[in-house]
Amino acid sequence: MQSLTVRYETKQEETAFKQKWETFNKSKNRLAELEVQKSSAKVQLASTEALIEANRLKGEELRQKKENTQTIINTAQDMKKQSKEMSDQADILASQALMLKNEGRALAEKAATLREQGQQHIQQAQAGREQKAKAMLEKLEKCISVLKSKLESVSKLNDSPENKALLEHSNKLILWGEELKPEIQPTRVGLESVLPKLQKFCLEYNGLVAKIGKL
């Protein structure tokens, strides 16, 4: 779609627009960073789940080894024929079981820490999206409000072809702005996908407001 060339009335107006555009790009980059953080958080959550599953399997292994150890001890007591070597082996198995238990506890603590960190990253990403969406909506609402005010002013002028064209353009931009609102949702992962549309809207808005200001 053909881009619009914005003509500025003053150097201050051009500087203000460029500053807003730079802020807009910084916000876009920040959102991309938050998306990377979110992806990293998801990877950490997946690792946490894997650690929890490994802990469960080790716990099952521990239970089985403890049962085997108890069987050996019971057999030795009942038969009274077990050699000292088997008794030593039972002690070793019991020691290994304790080590596995300690390892399992450490893994569970690590998994809990990773889960908490993952949730924090997700919350940070969500907060960033909410802040970005709020700023975008506020900007859009302000533009629509100005357009409605300009529309009312132009409607009071004569019915020249130029004024009719401005009225039609204003109505289209207001409708477009209203259609953009539902797309600006902080829960959307791809919030940045609406940025090009908002950018084009702002360019057309600035051009139209500049034309109306010359009337």
Foldseek 3Di string as FASTA:
>chain_A
DDADDFDDPDPVVVVVVVVVVVVVVVLLVVLVVLLVLLVVLVVLLVVLVVLLVVLVVLVVVLVVLVVVLVVLVVVCVVVVPDDVVSVVVSVVSVVVSVVSVVVSVVSNVVSVVSNVVSVVSVVVSLVSLVVSLVVLLVVLVVLLVVLVVLLVVLVPDDPDPVSVVLNVLSVVLNVLSVVLSVLSDSVDSVNVVCVVVSVRSVSSSSRSVVVSVVD
